[in-house]
Amino acid sequence: MQVTIWITEHPYSQRVGMSLKMGFKNDGVLATPLDGSDEKINATDVHIGYGILRGMADVYRRIEKAGKHWFNVDLGYVDPGHFDGQYRIAYKNTQSLFDEKIQSEKCPKISPWKNGGDVALLCPPTDHTAAFFHIDDAAWIAAAEAKARQFGLTPKIRRKDDPENLEDALAQAGAVIAFNSSVAWKALQQGVPAFSDVRYSTVGSWHGNVDSMDALKKLERESLFRFMCANQLSLLDIQQGKLLPMLKRSLG
């Protein structure tokens, strides 16, 4: 399977791209957003890159328009970290959509459900994420605030660069309402109910149309985390070619 690997000028993209090239060996074709011509996009049926910044969002849109397959690499769900941690890989999305049939033997420790506080942490999409998925920030916040009040909780906005320690924030939270923030799965792991976008997030695709905390608490969290572990790899795994079976699984 020949794959085009898209690399930007950012060090994270360069390092991940190098690992991808090693894993695909002669089947990996390098390209940058600056030479994202139709010729480059049509050169292979499968494309992969790191993140959605520095021109990658436009590249993915053009690949989608051309009817090609694309994968996005980003920091992992469990034990993430540059460059010795885990990286998640998602098909035509920034996060993988839940599939109960895909399960890893690995699963992190999951805390029992907590009684929680009287605050709902609202985690809106970042500006880049909102632009990529065409989300109106004000409308999203208004809907999230209404949902928090339905839960009987006081809404509290927490953006990506919030200076408050996340552990302290979750200790006071009765729930988390996110677009696709990692705060959602961190909350679930710590026993705090969390809701996320059904279309564009792993957590949301796991809980589906469930919209009450009591109903959420009846769902099996272990299957969610085993799924997430099954959709991430270390850079060493990627270099050793272990990404290819994952891609083929998504392509069917």
Protein backbone atom coordinates (compact mmCIF):
# COMPACT_ATOMS: atom_id res chain seq x y z
CA MET A 1 0.00 0.00 0.00
CA GLN A 2 1.58 3.27 -1.11
CA VAL A 3 0.87 6.19 1.24
CA THR A 4 1.55 9.92 0.93
CA ILE A 5 2.96 11.34 4.18
CA TRP A 6 2.27 15.05 4.65
CA ILE A 7 4.86 16.98 6.66
CA THR A 8 4.86 20.62 7.77
CA GLU A 9 7.72 22.73 9.13
CA HIS A 10 6.75 22.02 12.76
CA PRO A 11 9.12 19.73 14.74
CA TYR A 12 6.27 17.45 15.86
CA SER A 13 5.16 16.93 12.27
CA GLN A 14 8.77 16.37 11.16
CA ARG A 15 9.44 13.77 13.86
CA VAL A 16 6.19 11.89 13.37
CA GLY A 17 6.65 12.07 9.59
CA MET A 18 10.11 10.53 9.90
CA SER A 19 8.67 7.61 11.88
CA LEU A 20 5.90 7.15 9.32
CA LYS A 21 8.45 7.09 6.51
CA MET A 22 10.48 4.44 8.33
CA GLY A 23 7.36 2.34 8.89
CA PHE A 24 6.15 2.52 5.30
CA LYS A 25 9.69 2.23 3.88
CA ASN A 26 9.60 2.47 0.08
CA ASP A 27 5.81 2.78 0.11
CA GLY A 28 5.91 6.15 1.87
CA VAL A 29 5.86 9.23 -0.38
CA LEU A 30 6.70 12.58 1.25
CA ALA A 31 4.81 15.80 0.53
CA THR A 32 4.23 19.17 2.19
CA PRO A 33 1.14 21.43 2.23
CA LEU A 34 3.09 23.86 0.04
CA ASP A 35 3.22 21.30 -2.76
CA GLY A 36 -0.31 20.05 -2.20
CA SER A 37 -1.09 20.12 -5.89
CA ASP A 38 -3.67 17.85 -7.48
CA GLU A 39 -0.78 15.79 -8.78
CA LYS A 40 0.46 15.11 -5.24
CA ILE A 41 -3.02 14.35 -3.96
CA ASN A 42 -3.81 12.02 -6.87
CA ALA A 43 -0.47 10.21 -6.58
CA THR A 44 -1.80 7.77 -3.95
CA ASP A 45 -5.17 6.68 -2.60
CA VAL A 46 -4.11 6.92 1.06
CA HIS A 47 -2.76 10.02 2.86
CA ILE A 48 -1.60 10.65 6.42
CA GLY A 49 -0.31 13.64 8.39
CA TYR A 50 0.09 15.10 11.86
CA GLY A 51 -2.55 17.52 13.18
CA ILE A 52 -4.69 20.09 11.36
CA LEU A 53 -2.45 23.17 11.61
CA ARG A 54 -0.01 24.83 9.19
CA GLY A 55 -1.96 24.00 6.06
CA MET A 56 -2.96 20.44 6.97
CA ALA A 57 -6.66 21.28 7.35
CA ASP A 58 -6.78 22.49 3.75
CA VAL A 59 -4.85 19.43 2.58
CA TYR A 60 -7.37 17.10 4.25
CA ARG A 61 -10.28 18.98 2.67
CA ARG A 62 -8.71 18.69 -0.77
CA ILE A 63 -7.98 15.00 -0.25
CA GLU A 64 -11.58 14.43 0.84
CA LYS A 65 -12.86 16.31 -2.21
CA ALA A 66 -10.70 14.12 -4.42
CA GLY A 67 -12.34 11.03 -2.93
CA LYS A 68 -9.15 9.73 -1.32
CA HIS A 69 -8.58 8.18 2.10
CA TRP A 70 -6.87 10.20 4.83
CA PHE A 71 -5.68 9.62 8.37
CA ASN A 72 -4.78 12.11 11.07
CA VAL A 73 -2.12 11.50 13.74
CA ASP A 74 -2.15 13.36 17.06
CA LEU A 75 -1.26 12.85 20.71
CA GLY A 76 -2.61 9.61 22.12
CA TYR A 77 -5.62 9.04 24.32
CA VAL A 78 -3.82 7.11 27.05
CA ASP A 79 -0.21 7.86 28.05
CA PRO A 80 0.31 10.56 25.37
CA GLY A 81 3.58 12.44 24.96
CA HIS A 82 6.20 13.76 22.55
CA PHE A 83 8.15 11.72 21.61
CA ASP A 84 8.14 8.73 23.93
CA GLY A 85 4.38 8.53 24.49
CA GLN A 86 1.43 7.26 22.50
CA TYR A 87 -0.09 8.77 19.33
CA ARG A 88 -3.67 8.28 18.20
CA ILE A 89 -4.54 7.60 14.57
CA ALA A 90 -7.98 8.49 13.22
CA TYR A 91 -9.61 7.82 9.86
CA LYS A 92 -11.09 10.93 8.19
CA ASN A 93 -11.36 12.63 11.56
CA THR A 94 -9.20 13.97 14.38
CA GLN A 95 -10.47 11.19 16.66
CA SER A 96 -11.55 7.63 15.98
CA LEU A 97 -15.25 6.85 16.19
CA PHE A 98 -16.10 4.12 18.68
CA ASP A 99 -16.47 0.54 17.49
CA GLU A 100 -17.12 -2.01 20.23
CA LYS A 101 -15.58 -4.76 18.08
CA ILE A 102 -12.16 -3.07 18.19
CA GLN A 103 -10.65 -3.72 21.61
CA SER A 104 -7.13 -3.82 23.02
CA GLU A 105 -5.97 -6.12 25.79
CA LYS A 106 -4.63 -2.98 27.47
CA CYS A 107 -6.82 -0.80 29.66
CA PRO A 108 -5.81 1.96 32.09
CA LYS A 109 -7.08 2.07 35.67
CA ILE A 110 -10.61 3.52 35.79
CA SER A 111 -11.89 5.13 39.00
CA PRO A 112 -15.40 4.51 40.34
CA TRP A 113 -18.04 7.15 39.61
CA LYS A 114 -17.80 10.17 41.90
CA ASN A 115 -20.66 12.14 43.42
CA GLY A 116 -18.98 15.25 42.01
CA GLY A 117 -19.45 18.93 42.55
CA ASP A 118 -22.01 21.46 41.40
CA VAL A 119 -20.06 22.70 38.37
CA ALA A 120 -20.14 21.51 34.75
CA LEU A 121 -16.88 22.14 32.94
CA LEU A 122 -17.60 23.32 29.39
CA CYS A 123 -14.73 22.68 26.96
CA PRO A 124 -15.42 24.44 23.63
CA PRO A 125 -13.45 23.60 20.50
CA THR A 126 -10.26 25.55 19.89
CA ASP A 127 -10.40 28.18 17.15
CA HIS A 128 -8.64 25.83 14.71
CA THR A 129 -10.91 22.92 15.58
CA ALA A 130 -14.02 25.09 15.28
CA ALA A 131 -12.89 26.26 11.84
CA PHE A 132 -12.08 22.72 10.70
CA PHE A 133 -15.49 21.34 11.72
CA HIS A 134 -17.46 24.54 10.98
CA ILE A 135 -18.58 25.02 14.59
CA ASP A 136 -19.91 28.37 15.83
CA ASP A 137 -18.26 29.01 19.20
CA ALA A 138 -21.05 31.12 20.72
CA ALA A 139 -23.78 28.71 19.60
CA TRP A 140 -21.86 25.74 20.97
CA ILE A 141 -21.37 27.42 24.34
CA ALA A 142 -25.04 28.40 24.56
CA ALA A 143 -26.13 24.80 23.91
CA ALA A 144 -23.58 23.46 26.42
CA GLU A 145 -24.72 25.94 29.08
CA ALA A 146 -28.33 24.84 28.57
CA LYS A 147 -27.31 21.20 28.94
CA ALA A 148 -25.38 21.97 32.14
CA ARG A 149 -28.44 23.63 33.65
CA GLN A 150 -30.56 20.61 32.69
CA PHE A 151 -28.17 18.58 34.83
CA GLY A 152 -28.69 21.07 37.68
CA LEU A 153 -25.08 22.25 37.40
CA THR A 154 -23.48 25.67 37.09
CA PRO A 155 -21.65 26.02 33.74
CA LYS A 156 -17.97 26.96 33.87
CA ILE A 157 -16.03 27.47 30.64
CA ARG A 158 -12.61 25.87 30.44
CA ARG A 159 -10.59 26.53 27.29
CA LYS A 160 -7.45 24.71 26.21
CA ASP A 161 -5.08 27.29 27.72
CA ASP A 162 -6.91 27.53 31.06
CA PRO A 163 -4.33 28.08 33.84
CA GLU A 164 -6.30 26.14 36.47
CA ASN A 165 -4.88 22.70 37.22
CA LEU A 166 -7.05 20.09 35.52
CA GLU A 167 -7.04 17.76 38.52
CA ASP A 168 -8.34 20.58 40.73
CA ALA A 169 -10.99 21.49 38.15
CA LEU A 170 -12.22 17.89 37.83
CA ALA A 171 -12.34 17.51 41.61
CA GLN A 172 -14.99 20.26 41.68
CA ALA A 173 -16.88 19.09 38.59
CA GLY A 174 -20.15 17.21 38.52
CA ALA A 175 -19.81 16.71 34.75
CA VAL A 176 -17.81 17.69 31.69
CA ILE A 177 -19.40 18.86 28.45
CA ALA A 178 -16.87 19.06 25.61
CA PHE A 179 -16.72 19.28 21.85
CA ASN A 180 -13.86 16.83 21.44
CA SER A 181 -11.42 17.85 24.18
CA SER A 182 -9.21 15.26 25.88
CA VAL A 183 -10.69 16.57 29.14
CA ALA A 184 -13.73 14.38 28.39
CA TRP A 185 -11.93 11.04 28.47
CA LYS A 186 -9.69 12.15 31.34
CA ALA A 187 -12.86 12.96 33.29
CA LEU A 188 -14.42 9.57 32.49
CA GLN A 189 -11.27 7.81 33.65
CA GLN A 190 -11.47 9.68 36.96
CA GLY A 191 -15.15 8.92 37.50
CA VAL A 192 -16.64 12.21 36.31
CA PRO A 193 -19.49 11.94 33.75
CA ALA A 194 -18.52 13.48 30.41
CA PHE A 195 -20.35 14.21 27.19
CA SER A 196 -18.84 15.07 23.83
CA ASP A 197 -19.78 15.57 20.18
CA VAL A 198 -21.36 12.42 18.73
CA ARG A 199 -20.09 13.04 15.18
CA TYR A 200 -16.51 14.14 15.75
CA SER A 201 -15.28 12.69 19.04
CA THR A 202 -14.40 9.27 20.41
CA VAL A 203 -16.27 9.86 23.67
CA GLY A 204 -19.38 11.16 21.91
CA SER A 205 -19.50 8.26 19.47
CA TRP A 206 -19.23 5.93 22.47
CA HIS A 207 -22.14 7.38 24.48
CA GLY A 208 -24.26 8.24 21.43
CA ASN A 209 -27.62 9.89 22.15
CA VAL A 210 -27.43 9.29 25.90
CA ASP A 211 -28.14 12.67 27.48
CA SER A 212 -28.48 12.04 31.22
CA MET A 213 -25.79 11.30 33.78
CA ASP A 214 -27.68 8.31 35.16
CA ALA A 215 -27.86 6.74 31.69
CA LEU A 216 -24.19 7.50 31.03
CA LYS A 217 -23.14 5.78 34.24
CA LYS A 218 -24.76 2.57 33.01
CA LEU A 219 -22.42 2.40 30.00
CA GLU A 220 -19.27 0.29 30.00
CA ARG A 221 -16.28 2.62 30.25
CA GLU A 222 -13.74 -0.18 29.98
CA SER A 223 -14.80 -0.89 26.39
CA LEU A 224 -14.22 2.78 25.55
CA PHE A 225 -10.70 2.80 26.93
CA ARG A 226 -9.83 -0.55 25.37
CA PHE A 227 -10.99 0.89 22.05
CA MET A 228 -8.84 3.98 22.52
CA CYS A 229 -5.80 1.86 23.37
CA ALA A 230 -6.42 -0.13 20.17
CA ASN A 231 -6.24 3.08 18.12
CA GLN A 232 -2.90 4.41 19.29
CA LEU A 233 0.75 3.52 18.80
CA SER A 234 4.15 4.70 19.94
CA LEU A 235 6.59 6.16 17.41
CA LEU A 236 8.63 2.97 17.76
CA ASP A 237 5.53 0.93 16.87
CA ILE A 238 4.99 3.16 13.84
CA GLN A 239 8.63 2.82 12.77
CA GLN A 240 8.30 -0.96 12.98
CA GLY A 241 5.39 -0.94 10.54
CA LYS A 242 2.64 -1.70 13.04
CA LEU A 243 0.46 1.11 11.68
CA LEU A 244 -0.28 -0.66 8.39
CA PRO A 245 -2.71 -3.26 9.85
CA MET A 246 -4.57 -0.41 11.57
CA LEU A 247 -4.93 1.47 8.30
CA LYS A 248 -6.10 -1.63 6.46
CA ARG A 249 -8.68 -2.26 9.20
CA SER A 250 -10.15 1.20 8.64
CA LEU A 251 -10.14 0.83 4.87
CA GLY A 252 -12.00 -2.47 5.09
